[in-house]
């Protein structure tokens, strides 16, 4: 699952690097846009899936804003779509 992968990326980078990296509102918006590019359109099947998708994109944006690279975003999106 994408959330699990993104959390494992966080753990590999270490708490210190995540805490020391600040993210402005505009940076978070840019990160969210980058993640949406990789995740694609939200599924329109039902509200639960739409919420799950939104949470995965937000997790991706948070991680991107705190140091995750393009490859991490691509892998998280692939994992999410594989579920």
N, C-alpha and C. Protein backbone atom coordinates (compact mmCIF):
# COMPACT_ATOMS: atom_id res chain seq x y z
N UNK A 1 0.84 -1.18 0.00
CA UNK A 1 0.00 0.00 0.00
C UNK A 1 0.89 1.24 0.00
N UNK A 2 0.43 2.27 -0.66
CA UNK A 2 1.24 3.48 -0.83
C UNK A 2 1.60 4.12 0.51
N UNK A 3 0.64 4.17 1.43
CA UNK A 3 0.93 4.77 2.73
C UNK A 3 2.06 4.04 3.44
N UNK A 4 2.06 2.71 3.37
CA UNK A 4 3.11 1.91 4.00
C UNK A 4 4.47 2.23 3.38
N UNK A 5 4.50 2.32 2.04
CA UNK A 5 5.76 2.62 1.36
C UNK A 5 6.28 3.99 1.77
N UNK A 6 5.40 4.99 1.75
CA UNK A 6 5.83 6.34 2.08
C UNK A 6 6.33 6.42 3.52
N UNK A 7 5.69 5.70 4.43
CA UNK A 7 6.17 5.69 5.82
C UNK A 7 7.54 5.02 5.91
N UNK A 8 7.76 3.98 5.11
CA UNK A 8 9.07 3.32 5.15
C UNK A 8 10.15 4.25 4.60
N UNK A 9 9.82 5.08 3.62
CA UNK A 9 10.77 6.07 3.11
C UNK A 9 11.12 7.05 4.22
N UNK A 10 10.10 7.48 4.97
CA UNK A 10 10.34 8.39 6.10
C UNK A 10 11.32 7.77 7.09
N UNK A 11 11.10 6.50 7.42
CA UNK A 11 11.95 5.83 8.40
C UNK A 11 13.38 5.70 7.90
N UNK A 12 13.55 5.44 6.61
CA UNK A 12 14.89 5.30 6.05
C UNK A 12 15.64 6.62 6.08
N UNK A 13 14.94 7.73 5.86
CA UNK A 13 15.59 9.04 5.86
C UNK A 13 15.90 9.50 7.26
N UNK A 14 15.17 9.02 8.22
CA UNK A 14 15.40 9.37 9.61
C UNK A 14 14.59 10.57 10.04
N UNK A 15 14.22 10.57 11.28
CA UNK A 15 13.39 11.61 11.85
C UNK A 15 14.08 12.96 11.83
N UNK A 16 15.36 13.00 12.06
CA UNK A 16 16.08 14.28 12.12
C UNK A 16 15.97 15.03 10.81
N UNK A 17 16.17 14.35 9.68
CA UNK A 17 16.10 15.05 8.40
C UNK A 17 14.69 15.51 8.10
N UNK A 18 13.69 14.75 8.52
CA UNK A 18 12.31 15.15 8.28
C UNK A 18 11.93 16.36 9.13
N UNK A 19 12.36 16.38 10.37
CA UNK A 19 12.02 17.48 11.26
C UNK A 19 12.74 18.75 10.85
N UNK A 20 13.97 18.62 10.37
CA UNK A 20 14.76 19.80 10.06
C UNK A 20 14.35 20.46 8.75
N UNK A 21 13.55 19.79 7.93
CA UNK A 21 13.12 20.36 6.66
C UNK A 21 11.75 20.99 6.82
N UNK A 22 11.70 22.31 6.70
CA UNK A 22 10.43 23.03 6.79
C UNK A 22 9.80 23.10 5.40
N UNK A 23 8.49 23.23 5.37
CA UNK A 23 7.78 23.27 4.12
C UNK A 23 6.74 24.39 4.18
N UNK A 24 6.86 25.35 3.27
CA UNK A 24 5.89 26.45 3.24
C UNK A 24 4.60 25.99 2.56
N UNK A 25 3.59 26.80 2.68
CA UNK A 25 2.30 26.47 2.07
C UNK A 25 2.44 26.33 0.55
N UNK A 26 3.20 27.22 -0.07
CA UNK A 26 3.39 27.15 -1.52
C UNK A 26 4.19 25.91 -1.92
N UNK A 27 5.17 25.53 -1.09
CA UNK A 27 5.93 24.31 -1.37
C UNK A 27 5.05 23.07 -1.24
N UNK A 28 4.17 23.08 -0.25
CA UNK A 28 3.26 21.95 -0.08
C UNK A 28 2.30 21.86 -1.27
N UNK A 29 1.81 22.99 -1.75
CA UNK A 29 0.93 23.00 -2.93
C UNK A 29 1.66 22.46 -4.15
N UNK A 30 2.92 22.86 -4.33
CA UNK A 30 3.71 22.37 -5.45
C UNK A 30 3.93 20.86 -5.34
N UNK A 31 4.23 20.40 -4.13
CA UNK A 31 4.43 18.96 -3.90
C UNK A 31 3.14 18.20 -4.18
N UNK A 32 2.01 18.74 -3.75
CA UNK A 32 0.72 18.10 -3.99
C UNK A 32 0.46 17.99 -5.50
N UNK A 33 0.78 19.04 -6.23
CA UNK A 33 0.60 19.04 -7.69
C UNK A 33 1.47 17.97 -8.34
N UNK A 34 2.71 17.85 -7.88
CA UNK A 34 3.62 16.82 -8.41
C UNK A 34 3.07 15.43 -8.13
N UNK A 35 2.56 15.22 -6.93
CA UNK A 35 2.02 13.90 -6.57
C UNK A 35 0.77 13.59 -7.39
N UNK A 36 -0.08 14.58 -7.57
CA UNK A 36 -1.30 14.36 -8.37
C UNK A 36 -0.95 13.97 -9.79
N UNK A 37 0.16 14.51 -10.31
CA UNK A 37 0.62 14.16 -11.65
C UNK A 37 0.92 12.65 -11.71
N UNK A 38 1.54 12.12 -10.67
CA UNK A 38 1.89 10.70 -10.65
C UNK A 38 0.70 9.81 -10.31
N UNK A 39 -0.14 10.27 -9.40
CA UNK A 39 -1.27 9.44 -8.98
C UNK A 39 -2.42 9.46 -9.98
N UNK A 40 -2.51 10.50 -10.79
CA UNK A 40 -3.59 10.59 -11.77
C UNK A 40 -4.88 11.07 -11.13
N UNK A 41 -5.98 10.77 -11.77
CA UNK A 41 -7.29 11.22 -11.31
C UNK A 41 -7.80 10.34 -10.18
N UNK A 42 -8.53 10.97 -9.29
CA UNK A 42 -9.14 10.23 -8.17
C UNK A 42 -10.20 9.28 -8.71
N UNK A 43 -10.28 8.11 -8.13
CA UNK A 43 -11.33 7.17 -8.58
C UNK A 43 -12.70 7.73 -8.20
N UNK A 44 -13.65 7.58 -9.07
CA UNK A 44 -14.99 8.11 -8.82
C UNK A 44 -15.99 7.05 -8.39
N UNK A 45 -15.49 5.92 -7.92
CA UNK A 45 -16.41 4.83 -7.60
C UNK A 45 -17.24 5.09 -6.35
N UNK A 46 -16.60 5.58 -5.29
CA UNK A 46 -17.35 5.89 -4.08
C UNK A 46 -16.54 6.82 -3.18
N UNK A 47 -17.17 7.32 -2.15
CA UNK A 47 -16.54 8.31 -1.27
C UNK A 47 -15.37 7.72 -0.49
N UNK A 48 -15.47 6.47 -0.09
CA UNK A 48 -14.39 5.83 0.67
C UNK A 48 -13.12 5.77 -0.17
N UNK A 49 -13.25 5.35 -1.41
CA UNK A 49 -12.08 5.27 -2.29
C UNK A 49 -11.53 6.65 -2.60
N UNK A 50 -12.41 7.63 -2.77
CA UNK A 50 -11.97 9.00 -3.03
C UNK A 50 -11.19 9.54 -1.84
N UNK A 51 -11.65 9.25 -0.62
CA UNK A 51 -10.94 9.69 0.59
C UNK A 51 -9.59 8.98 0.73
N UNK A 52 -9.57 7.69 0.43
CA UNK A 52 -8.32 6.92 0.49
C UNK A 52 -7.31 7.51 -0.50
N UNK A 53 -7.79 7.84 -1.69
CA UNK A 53 -6.93 8.44 -2.71
C UNK A 53 -6.39 9.79 -2.24
N UNK A 54 -7.27 10.63 -1.70
CA UNK A 54 -6.86 11.95 -1.21
C UNK A 54 -5.81 11.81 -0.10
N UNK A 55 -5.98 10.85 0.79
CA UNK A 55 -5.01 10.62 1.86
C UNK A 55 -3.65 10.18 1.30
N UNK A 56 -3.68 9.33 0.27
CA UNK A 56 -2.43 8.87 -0.34
C UNK A 56 -1.70 10.04 -1.00
N UNK A 57 -2.44 10.92 -1.67
CA UNK A 57 -1.83 12.08 -2.32
C UNK A 57 -1.27 13.03 -1.26
N UNK A 58 -1.99 13.23 -0.17
CA UNK A 58 -1.50 14.10 0.90
C UNK A 58 -0.25 13.52 1.55
N UNK A 59 -0.21 12.21 1.76
CA UNK A 59 0.99 11.56 2.31
C UNK A 59 2.17 11.74 1.37
N UNK A 60 1.91 11.58 0.09
CA UNK A 60 2.95 11.78 -0.92
C UNK A 60 3.45 13.22 -0.88
N UNK A 61 2.54 14.17 -0.83
CA UNK A 61 2.92 15.60 -0.81
C UNK A 61 3.74 15.92 0.43
N UNK A 62 3.34 15.40 1.56
CA UNK A 62 4.09 15.63 2.80
C UNK A 62 5.51 15.08 2.66
N UNK A 63 5.60 13.85 2.16
CA UNK A 63 6.91 13.23 2.01
C UNK A 63 7.77 13.98 0.99
N UNK A 64 7.16 14.41 -0.10
CA UNK A 64 7.90 15.16 -1.13
C UNK A 64 8.43 16.46 -0.55
N UNK A 65 7.61 17.10 0.23
CA UNK A 65 7.96 18.37 0.84
C UNK A 65 9.06 18.20 1.89
N UNK A 66 9.20 17.00 2.39
CA UNK A 66 10.19 16.74 3.43
C UNK A 66 11.34 15.86 2.93
N UNK A 67 11.58 15.87 1.62
CA UNK A 67 12.78 15.24 1.11
C UNK A 67 12.63 14.03 0.21
N UNK A 68 11.45 13.48 0.04
CA UNK A 68 11.30 12.33 -0.86
C UNK A 68 11.57 12.78 -2.29
N UNK A 69 12.14 11.92 -3.08
CA UNK A 69 12.47 12.30 -4.45
C UNK A 69 11.40 11.84 -5.44
N UNK A 70 11.64 12.14 -6.70
CA UNK A 70 10.70 11.81 -7.78
C UNK A 70 10.44 10.31 -7.86
N UNK A 71 11.47 9.51 -7.66
CA UNK A 71 11.32 8.06 -7.72
C UNK A 71 10.38 7.57 -6.63
N UNK A 72 10.49 8.14 -5.44
CA UNK A 72 9.59 7.75 -4.34
C UNK A 72 8.14 8.06 -4.70
N UNK A 73 7.91 9.20 -5.33
CA UNK A 73 6.54 9.55 -5.74
C UNK A 73 6.02 8.58 -6.79
N UNK A 74 6.86 8.25 -7.77
CA UNK A 74 6.46 7.32 -8.81
C UNK A 74 6.13 5.95 -8.23
N UNK A 75 6.98 5.47 -7.33
CA UNK A 75 6.75 4.15 -6.73
C UNK A 75 5.49 4.14 -5.86
N UNK A 76 5.29 5.20 -5.10
CA UNK A 76 4.08 5.27 -4.27
C UNK A 76 2.83 5.24 -5.14
N UNK A 77 2.84 5.95 -6.25
CA UNK A 77 1.69 5.94 -7.15
C UNK A 77 1.48 4.56 -7.76
N UNK A 78 2.56 3.91 -8.16
CA UNK A 78 2.45 2.56 -8.72
C UNK A 78 1.87 1.59 -7.70
N UNK A 79 2.34 1.69 -6.47
CA UNK A 79 1.84 0.81 -5.42
C UNK A 79 0.37 1.08 -5.16
N UNK A 80 -0.01 2.35 -5.12
CA UNK A 80 -1.41 2.68 -4.87
C UNK A 80 -2.30 2.13 -5.95
N UNK A 81 -1.89 2.26 -7.20
CA UNK A 81 -2.70 1.77 -8.33
C UNK A 81 -2.72 0.24 -8.40
N UNK A 82 -1.73 -0.41 -7.82
CA UNK A 82 -1.69 -1.88 -7.83
C UNK A 82 -2.67 -2.48 -6.83
N UNK A 83 -3.06 -1.70 -5.81
CA UNK A 83 -3.99 -2.22 -4.78
C UNK A 83 -5.34 -2.51 -5.32
